Structure formats: C-alpha cells, structure tokens
Amino acid sequence: MQALRKLMASPWLHILLGLILLVSAGMEIRDDIQNAVQGVKAHHGVFVFGLFHILKTLPDIFEGIEDIQKSGE
C-alpha cells in the first residue's frame, strides 16, 4: 500500500498524465479547428486540466534538480 502511495505522489507520474491529457485533448481541438466546429466541448476542459496538471509538477521537478546540483557541489 505504501508503494502505491509513493507512486501516486510522484511528480513524474503527474507530468506523464498531464502530457497524455494535453496531447489527446490537443488532437481533438486540432480536429475541431480543421472542421470549423464551434463551441466549447469536454476536450477543451481536459486540455486545460492537463496543462495545469503539468504546471503543478514543475516546482517539484525544479526543486529536485536544485537538490541534485547542490549535492554535486
């Protein structure tokens, strides 16, 4: 159970999920633009959710990079 909690707290998992959401929603939005479909649909919300999911993980990743750089000095 502890391994599952550790996995779910991983910023790498969150960024991967965010990228998957962003790419899949982006493909749907591209299709809407090509077909001139108007209106806001679910994939627009998924795109925004995926983007914020990625942005949420960036501080953790940058903090880890800084820690690695400090330990190398």
PDB file of N, CA and C in Angstrom:
ATOM      1  N   MET A   1       0.823  -1.186   0.000  1.00  0.00           N
ATOM      2  CA  MET A   1       0.000   0.000   0.000  1.00  0.00           C
ATOM      3  C   MET A   1       0.871   1.255   0.000  1.00  0.00           C
ATOM      4  N   GLN A   2       2.007   1.199   0.708  1.00  0.00           N
ATOM      5  CA  GLN A   2       2.896   2.347   0.767  1.00  0.00           C
ATOM      6  C   GLN A   2       3.545   2.606  -0.595  1.00  0.00           C
ATOM      7  N   ALA A   3       3.816   1.545  -1.344  1.00  0.00           N
ATOM      8  CA  ALA A   3       4.387   1.708  -2.675  1.00  0.00           C
ATOM      9  C   ALA A   3       3.401   2.420  -3.597  1.00  0.00           C
ATOM     10  N   LEU A   4       2.124   2.102  -3.461  1.00  0.00           N
ATOM     11  CA  LEU A   4       1.097   2.752  -4.266  1.00  0.00           C
ATOM     12  C   LEU A   4       1.004   4.242  -3.922  1.00  0.00           C
ATOM     13  N   ARG A   5       1.072   4.569  -2.634  1.00  0.00           N
ATOM     14  CA  ARG A   5       1.048   5.981  -2.223  1.00  0.00           C
ATOM     15  C   ARG A   5       2.251   6.733  -2.773  1.00  0.00           C
ATOM     16  N   LYS A   6       3.421   6.087  -2.731  1.00  0.00           N
ATOM     17  CA  LYS A   6       4.626   6.717  -3.250  1.00  0.00           C
ATOM     18  C   LYS A   6       4.509   6.952  -4.753  1.00  0.00           C
ATOM     19  N   LEU A   7       3.959   5.982  -5.465  1.00  0.00           N
ATOM     20  CA  LEU A   7       3.765   6.110  -6.905  1.00  0.00           C
ATOM     21  C   LEU A   7       2.806   7.256  -7.228  1.00  0.00           C
ATOM     22  N   MET A   8       1.710   7.346  -6.495  1.00  0.00           N
ATOM     23  CA  MET A   8       0.711   8.371  -6.756  1.00  0.00           C
ATOM     24  C   MET A   8       1.205   9.768  -6.383  1.00  0.00           C
ATOM     25  N   ALA A   9       2.208   9.880  -5.533  1.00  0.00           N
ATOM     26  CA  ALA A   9       2.766  11.175  -5.160  1.00  0.00           C
ATOM     27  C   ALA A   9       3.913  11.595  -6.083  1.00  0.00           C
ATOM     28  N   SER A  10       4.281  10.748  -7.009  1.00  0.00           N
ATOM     29  CA  SER A  10       5.409  11.013  -7.897  1.00  0.00           C
ATOM     30  C   SER A  10       5.099  12.152  -8.875  1.00  0.00           C
ATOM     31  N   PRO A  11       5.942  13.174  -8.916  1.00  0.00           N
ATOM     32  CA  PRO A  11       5.720  14.247  -9.887  1.00  0.00           C
ATOM     33  C   PRO A  11       5.889  13.763 -11.323  1.00  0.00           C
ATOM     34  N   TRP A  12       6.690  12.723 -11.520  1.00  0.00           N
ATOM     35  CA  TRP A  12       6.874  12.199 -12.880  1.00  0.00           C
ATOM     36  C   TRP A  12       5.585  11.560 -13.394  1.00  0.00           C
ATOM     37  N   LEU A  13       4.861  10.884 -12.527  1.00  0.00           N
ATOM     38  CA  LEU A  13       3.580  10.305 -12.919  1.00  0.00           C
ATOM     39  C   LEU A  13       2.597  11.414 -13.264  1.00  0.00           C
ATOM     40  N   HIS A  14       2.587  12.465 -12.464  1.00  0.00           N
ATOM     41  CA  HIS A  14       1.670  13.575 -12.712  1.00  0.00           C
ATOM     42  C   HIS A  14       1.983  14.277 -14.023  1.00  0.00           C
ATOM     43  N   ILE A  15       3.265  14.458 -14.324  1.00  0.00           N
ATOM     44  CA  ILE A  15       3.614  15.115 -15.576  1.00  0.00           C
ATOM     45  C   ILE A  15       3.290  14.210 -16.769  1.00  0.00           C
ATOM     46  N   LEU A  16       3.472  12.903 -16.599  1.00  0.00           N
ATOM     47  CA  LEU A  16       3.121  11.970 -17.670  1.00  0.00           C
ATOM     48  C   LEU A  16       1.614  11.992 -17.934  1.00  0.00           C
ATOM     49  N   LEU A  17       0.826  11.948 -16.879  1.00  0.00           N
ATOM     50  CA  LEU A  17      -0.622  12.002 -17.049  1.00  0.00           C
ATOM     51  C   LEU A  17      -1.057  13.329 -17.659  1.00  0.00           C
ATOM     52  N   GLY A  18      -0.435  14.402 -17.231  1.00  0.00           N
ATOM     53  CA  GLY A  18      -0.751  15.711 -17.801  1.00  0.00           C
ATOM     54  C   GLY A  18      -0.429  15.769 -19.281  1.00  0.00           C
ATOM     55  N   LEU A  19       0.719  15.201 -19.674  1.00  0.00           N
ATOM     56  CA  LEU A  19       1.085  15.179 -21.092  1.00  0.00           C
ATOM     57  C   LEU A  19       0.115  14.344 -21.916  1.00  0.00           C
ATOM     58  N   ILE A  20      -0.307  13.212 -21.380  1.00  0.00           N
ATOM     59  CA  ILE A  20      -1.272  12.371 -22.087  1.00  0.00           C
ATOM     60  C   ILE A  20      -2.580  13.133 -22.292  1.00  0.00           C
ATOM     61  N   LEU A  21      -3.059  13.789 -21.232  1.00  0.00           N
ATOM     62  CA  LEU A  21      -4.284  14.576 -21.350  1.00  0.00           C
ATOM     63  C   LEU A  21      -4.111  15.718 -22.344  1.00  0.00           C
ATOM     64  N   LEU A  22      -2.971  16.396 -22.284  1.00  0.00           N
ATOM     65  CA  LEU A  22      -2.717  17.527 -23.154  1.00  0.00           C
ATOM     66  C   LEU A  22      -2.665  17.115 -24.621  1.00  0.00           C
ATOM     67  N   VAL A  23      -1.982  16.029 -24.908  1.00  0.00           N
ATOM     68  CA  VAL A  23      -1.851  15.570 -26.294  1.00  0.00           C
ATOM     69  C   VAL A  23      -3.188  15.085 -26.841  1.00  0.00           C
ATOM     70  N   SER A  24      -3.894  14.281 -26.064  1.00  0.00           N
ATOM     71  CA  SER A  24      -5.165  13.754 -26.568  1.00  0.00           C
ATOM     72  C   SER A  24      -6.199  14.864 -26.761  1.00  0.00           C
ATOM     73  N   ALA A  25      -6.271  15.798 -25.823  1.00  0.00           N
ATOM     74  CA  ALA A  25      -7.206  16.916 -25.974  1.00  0.00           C
ATOM     75  C   ALA A  25      -6.760  17.842 -27.098  1.00  0.00           C
ATOM     76  N   GLY A  26      -5.453  18.035 -27.236  1.00  0.00           N
ATOM     77  CA  GLY A  26      -4.934  18.870 -28.320  1.00  0.00           C
ATOM     78  C   GLY A  26      -5.284  18.315 -29.685  1.00  0.00           C
ATOM     79  N   MET A  27      -5.262  16.994 -29.823  1.00  0.00           N
ATOM     80  CA  MET A  27      -5.646  16.374 -31.093  1.00  0.00           C
ATOM     81  C   MET A  27      -7.122  16.620 -31.399  1.00  0.00           C
ATOM     82  N   GLU A  28      -7.958  16.554 -30.389  1.00  0.00           N
ATOM     83  CA  GLU A  28      -9.390  16.830 -30.580  1.00  0.00           C
ATOM     84  C   GLU A  28      -9.623  18.293 -30.942  1.00  0.00           C
ATOM     85  N   ILE A  29      -8.894  19.185 -30.290  1.00  0.00           N
ATOM     86  CA  ILE A  29      -9.032  20.613 -30.592  1.00  0.00           C
ATOM     87  C   ILE A  29      -8.566  20.896 -32.017  1.00  0.00           C
ATOM     88  N   ARG A  30      -7.469  20.252 -32.428  1.00  0.00           N
ATOM     89  CA  ARG A  30      -6.987  20.413 -33.814  1.00  0.00           C
ATOM     90  C   ARG A  30      -8.048  19.969 -34.806  1.00  0.00           C
ATOM     91  N   ASP A  31      -8.709  18.851 -34.531  1.00  0.00           N
ATOM     92  CA  ASP A  31      -9.779  18.374 -35.406  1.00  0.00           C
ATOM     93  C   ASP A  31     -10.930  19.372 -35.458  1.00  0.00           C
ATOM     94  N   ASP A  32     -11.265  19.971 -34.318  1.00  0.00           N
ATOM     95  CA  ASP A  32     -12.321  20.986 -34.291  1.00  0.00           C
ATOM     96  C   ASP A  32     -11.955  22.179 -35.162  1.00  0.00           C
ATOM     97  N   ILE A  33     -10.698  22.604 -35.084  1.00  0.00           N
ATOM     98  CA  ILE A  33     -10.257  23.760 -35.870  1.00  0.00           C
ATOM     99  C   ILE A  33     -10.299  23.428 -37.356  1.00  0.00           C
ATOM    100  N   GLN A  34      -9.848  22.233 -37.714  1.00  0.00           N
ATOM    101  CA  GLN A  34      -9.843  21.834 -39.123  1.00  0.00           C
ATOM    102  C   GLN A  34     -11.256  21.700 -39.667  1.00  0.00           C
ATOM    103  N   ASN A  35     -12.194  21.259 -38.859  1.00  0.00           N
ATOM    104  CA  ASN A  35     -13.576  21.061 -39.305  1.00  0.00           C
ATOM    105  C   ASN A  35     -14.463  22.262 -38.996  1.00  0.00           C
ATOM    106  N   ALA A  36     -13.880  23.332 -38.484  1.00  0.00           N
ATOM    107  CA  ALA A  36     -14.602  24.571 -38.165  1.00  0.00           C
ATOM    108  C   ALA A  36     -15.785  24.318 -37.229  1.00  0.00           C
ATOM    109  N   VAL A  37     -15.590  23.441 -36.243  1.00  0.00           N
ATOM    110  CA  VAL A  37     -16.637  23.177 -35.258  1.00  0.00           C
ATOM    111  C   VAL A  37     -16.557  24.274 -34.203  1.00  0.00           C
ATOM    112  N   GLN A  38     -17.704  24.814 -33.846  1.00  0.00           N
ATOM    113  CA  GLN A  38     -17.724  25.893 -32.864  1.00  0.00           C
ATOM    114  C   GLN A  38     -18.300  25.396 -31.551  1.00  0.00           C
ATOM    115  N   GLY A  39     -17.957  26.089 -30.487  1.00  0.00           N
ATOM    116  CA  GLY A  39     -18.478  25.745 -29.176  1.00  0.00           C
ATOM    117  C   GLY A  39     -17.423  25.095 -28.301  1.00  0.00           C
ATOM    118  N   VAL A  40     -17.660  25.178 -27.020  1.00  0.00           N
ATOM    119  CA  VAL A  40     -16.746  24.589 -26.048  1.00  0.00           C
ATOM    120  C   VAL A  40     -17.241  23.184 -25.727  1.00  0.00           C
ATOM    121  N   LYS A  41     -16.324  22.243 -25.808  1.00  0.00           N
ATOM    122  CA  LYS A  41     -16.664  20.844 -25.544  1.00  0.00           C
ATOM    123  C   LYS A  41     -15.777  20.311 -24.433  1.00  0.00           C
ATOM    124  N   ALA A  42     -15.992  19.073 -24.066  1.00  0.00           N
ATOM    125  CA  ALA A  42     -15.284  18.467 -22.932  1.00  0.00           C
ATOM    126  C   ALA A  42     -13.774  18.452 -23.143  1.00  0.00           C
ATOM    127  N   HIS A  43     -13.324  18.222 -24.358  1.00  0.00           N
ATOM    128  CA  HIS A  43     -11.880  18.121 -24.565  1.00  0.00           C
ATOM    129  C   HIS A  43     -11.168  19.463 -24.353  1.00  0.00           C
ATOM    130  N   HIS A  44     -11.890  20.562 -24.441  1.00  0.00           N
ATOM    131  CA  HIS A  44     -11.274  21.845 -24.110  1.00  0.00           C
ATOM    132  C   HIS A  44     -10.952  21.897 -22.616  1.00  0.00           C
ATOM    133  N   GLY A  45     -11.850  21.410 -21.804  1.00  0.00           N
ATOM    134  CA  GLY A  45     -11.615  21.349 -20.362  1.00  0.00           C
ATOM    135  C   GLY A  45     -10.506  20.374 -20.016  1.00  0.00           C
ATOM    136  N   VAL A  46     -10.450  19.248 -20.729  1.00  0.00           N
ATOM    137  CA  VAL A  46      -9.396  18.261 -20.491  1.00  0.00           C
ATOM    138  C   VAL A  46      -8.037  18.865 -20.833  1.00  0.00           C
ATOM    139  N   PHE A  47      -7.984  19.666 -21.893  1.00  0.00           N
ATOM    140  CA  PHE A  47      -6.742  20.333 -22.280  1.00  0.00           C
ATOM    141  C   PHE A  47      -6.257  21.255 -21.170  1.00  0.00           C
ATOM    142  N   VAL A  48      -7.153  22.075 -20.642  1.00  0.00           N
ATOM    143  CA  VAL A  48      -6.790  22.997 -19.559  1.00  0.00           C
ATOM    144  C   VAL A  48      -6.386  22.218 -18.310  1.00  0.00           C
ATOM    145  N   PHE A  49      -7.119  21.152 -17.991  1.00  0.00           N
ATOM    146  CA  PHE A  49      -6.791  20.327 -16.833  1.00  0.00           C
ATOM    147  C   PHE A  49      -5.405  19.706 -16.991  1.00  0.00           C
ATOM    148  N   GLY A  50      -5.113  19.189 -18.172  1.00  0.00           N
ATOM    149  CA  GLY A  50      -3.801  18.599 -18.434  1.00  0.00           C
ATOM    150  C   GLY A  50      -2.688  19.626 -18.311  1.00  0.00           C
ATOM    151  N   LEU A  51      -2.930  20.828 -18.818  1.00  0.00           N
ATOM    152  CA  LEU A  51      -1.936  21.892 -18.733  1.00  0.00           C
ATOM    153  C   LEU A  51      -1.650  22.253 -17.274  1.00  0.00           C
ATOM    154  N   PHE A  52      -2.692  22.423 -16.478  1.00  0.00           N
ATOM    155  CA  PHE A  52      -2.485  22.746 -15.070  1.00  0.00           C
ATOM    156  C   PHE A  52      -1.873  21.583 -14.305  1.00  0.00           C
ATOM    157  N   HIS A  53      -2.162  20.358 -14.728  1.00  0.00           N
ATOM    158  CA  HIS A  53      -1.560  19.187 -14.089  1.00  0.00           C
ATOM    159  C   HIS A  53      -0.043  19.216 -14.294  1.00  0.00           C
ATOM    160  N   ILE A  54       0.381  19.573 -15.486  1.00  0.00           N
ATOM    161  CA  ILE A  54       1.812  19.668 -15.777  1.00  0.00           C
ATOM    162  C   ILE A  54       2.434  20.819 -14.996  1.00  0.00           C
ATOM    163  N   LEU A  55       1.781  21.970 -14.994  1.00  0.00           N
ATOM    164  CA  LEU A  55       2.317  23.130 -14.288  1.00  0.00           C
ATOM    165  C   LEU A  55       2.444  22.868 -12.787  1.00  0.00           C
ATOM    166  N   LYS A  56       1.539  22.071 -12.249  1.00  0.00           N
ATOM    167  CA  LYS A  56       1.566  21.745 -10.821  1.00  0.00           C
ATOM    168  C   LYS A  56       2.822  20.957 -10.450  1.00  0.00           C
ATOM    169  N   THR A  57       3.345  20.175 -11.366  1.00  0.00           N
ATOM    170  CA  THR A  57       4.504  19.335 -11.060  1.00  0.00           C
ATOM    171  C   THR A  57       5.834  20.046 -11.248  1.00  0.00           C
ATOM    172  N   LEU A  58       5.855  21.140 -11.983  1.00  0.00           N
ATOM    173  CA  LEU A  58       7.122  21.804 -12.287  1.00  0.00           C
ATOM    174  C   LEU A  58       7.896  22.255 -11.053  1.00  0.00           C
ATOM    175  N   PRO A  59       7.265  22.843 -10.032  1.00  0.00           N
ATOM    176  CA  PRO A  59       8.058  23.218  -8.849  1.00  0.00           C
ATOM    177  C   PRO A  59       8.759  22.021  -8.196  1.00  0.00           C
ATOM    178  N   ASP A  60       8.087  20.876  -8.134  1.00  0.00           N
ATOM    179  CA  ASP A  60       8.714  19.682  -7.557  1.00  0.00           C
ATOM    180  C   ASP A  60       9.913  19.237  -8.376  1.00  0.00           C
ATOM    181  N   ILE A  61       9.778  19.286  -9.676  1.00  0.00           N
ATOM    182  CA  ILE A  61      10.870  18.854 -10.553  1.00  0.00           C
ATOM    183  C   ILE A  61      12.049  19.813 -10.440  1.00  0.00           C
ATOM    184  N   PHE A  62      11.790  21.125 -10.458  1.00  0.00           N
ATOM    185  CA  PHE A  62      12.877  22.091 -10.333  1.00  0.00           C
ATOM    186  C   PHE A  62      13.547  22.019  -8.967  1.00  0.00           C
ATOM    187  N   GLU A  63      12.776  21.753  -7.934  1.00  0.00           N
ATOM    188  CA  GLU A  63      13.344  21.597  -6.593  1.00  0.00           C
ATOM    189  C   GLU A  63      14.268  20.379  -6.563  1.00  0.00           C
ATOM    190  N   GLY A  64      13.854  19.303  -7.198  1.00  0.00           N
ATOM    191  CA  GLY A  64      14.693  18.112  -7.261  1.00  0.00           C
ATOM    192  C   GLY A  64      15.979  18.365  -8.024  1.00  0.00           C
ATOM    193  N   ILE A  65      15.881  19.119  -9.113  1.00  0.00           N
ATOM    194  CA  ILE A  65      17.080  19.455  -9.899  1.00  0.00           C
ATOM    195  C   ILE A  65      18.037  20.298  -9.063  1.00  0.00           C
ATOM    196  N   GLU A  66      17.492  21.271  -8.321  1.00  0.00           N
ATOM    197  CA  GLU A  66      18.335  22.099  -7.451  1.00  0.00           C
ATOM    198  C   GLU A  66      19.008  21.254  -6.374  1.00  0.00           C
ATOM    199  N   ASP A  67      18.276  20.300  -5.794  1.00  0.00           N
ATOM    200  CA  ASP A  67      18.863  19.424  -4.776  1.00  0.00           C
ATOM    201  C   ASP A  67      19.984  18.583  -5.351  1.00  0.00           C
ATOM    202  N   ILE A  68      19.815  18.097  -6.553  1.00  0.00           N
ATOM    203  CA  ILE A  68      20.847  17.302  -7.209  1.00  0.00           C
ATOM    204  C   ILE A  68      22.086  18.158  -7.464  1.00  0.00           C
ATOM    205  N   GLN A  69      21.860  19.380  -7.911  1.00  0.00           N
ATOM    206  CA  GLN A  69      23.007  20.276  -8.172  1.00  0.00           C
ATOM    207  C   GLN A  69      23.752  20.628  -6.881  1.00  0.00           C
ATOM    208  N   LYS A  70      23.011  20.862  -5.788  1.00  0.00           N
ATOM    209  CA  LYS A  70      23.637  21.174  -4.515  1.00  0.00           C
ATOM    210  C   LYS A  70      24.427  19.990  -3.967  1.00  0.00           C
ATOM    211  N   SER A  71      23.918  18.775  -4.167  1.00  0.00           N
ATOM    212  CA  SER A  71      24.626  17.602  -3.648  1.00  0.00           C
ATOM    213  C   SER A  71      25.900  17.318  -4.458  1.00  0.00           C
ATOM    214  N   GLY A  72      25.948  17.790  -5.686  1.00  0.00           N
ATOM    215  CA  GLY A  72      27.138  17.592  -6.521  1.00  0.00           C
ATOM    216  C   GLY A  72      28.250  18.562  -6.191  1.00  0.00           C
ATOM    217  N   GLU A  73      27.948  19.615  -5.464  1.00  0.00           N
ATOM    218  CA  GLU A  73      28.981  20.627  -5.152  1.00  0.00           C
ATOM    219  C   GLU A  73      29.843  20.230  -3.994  1.00  0.00           C
TER     220      GLU A  73
END
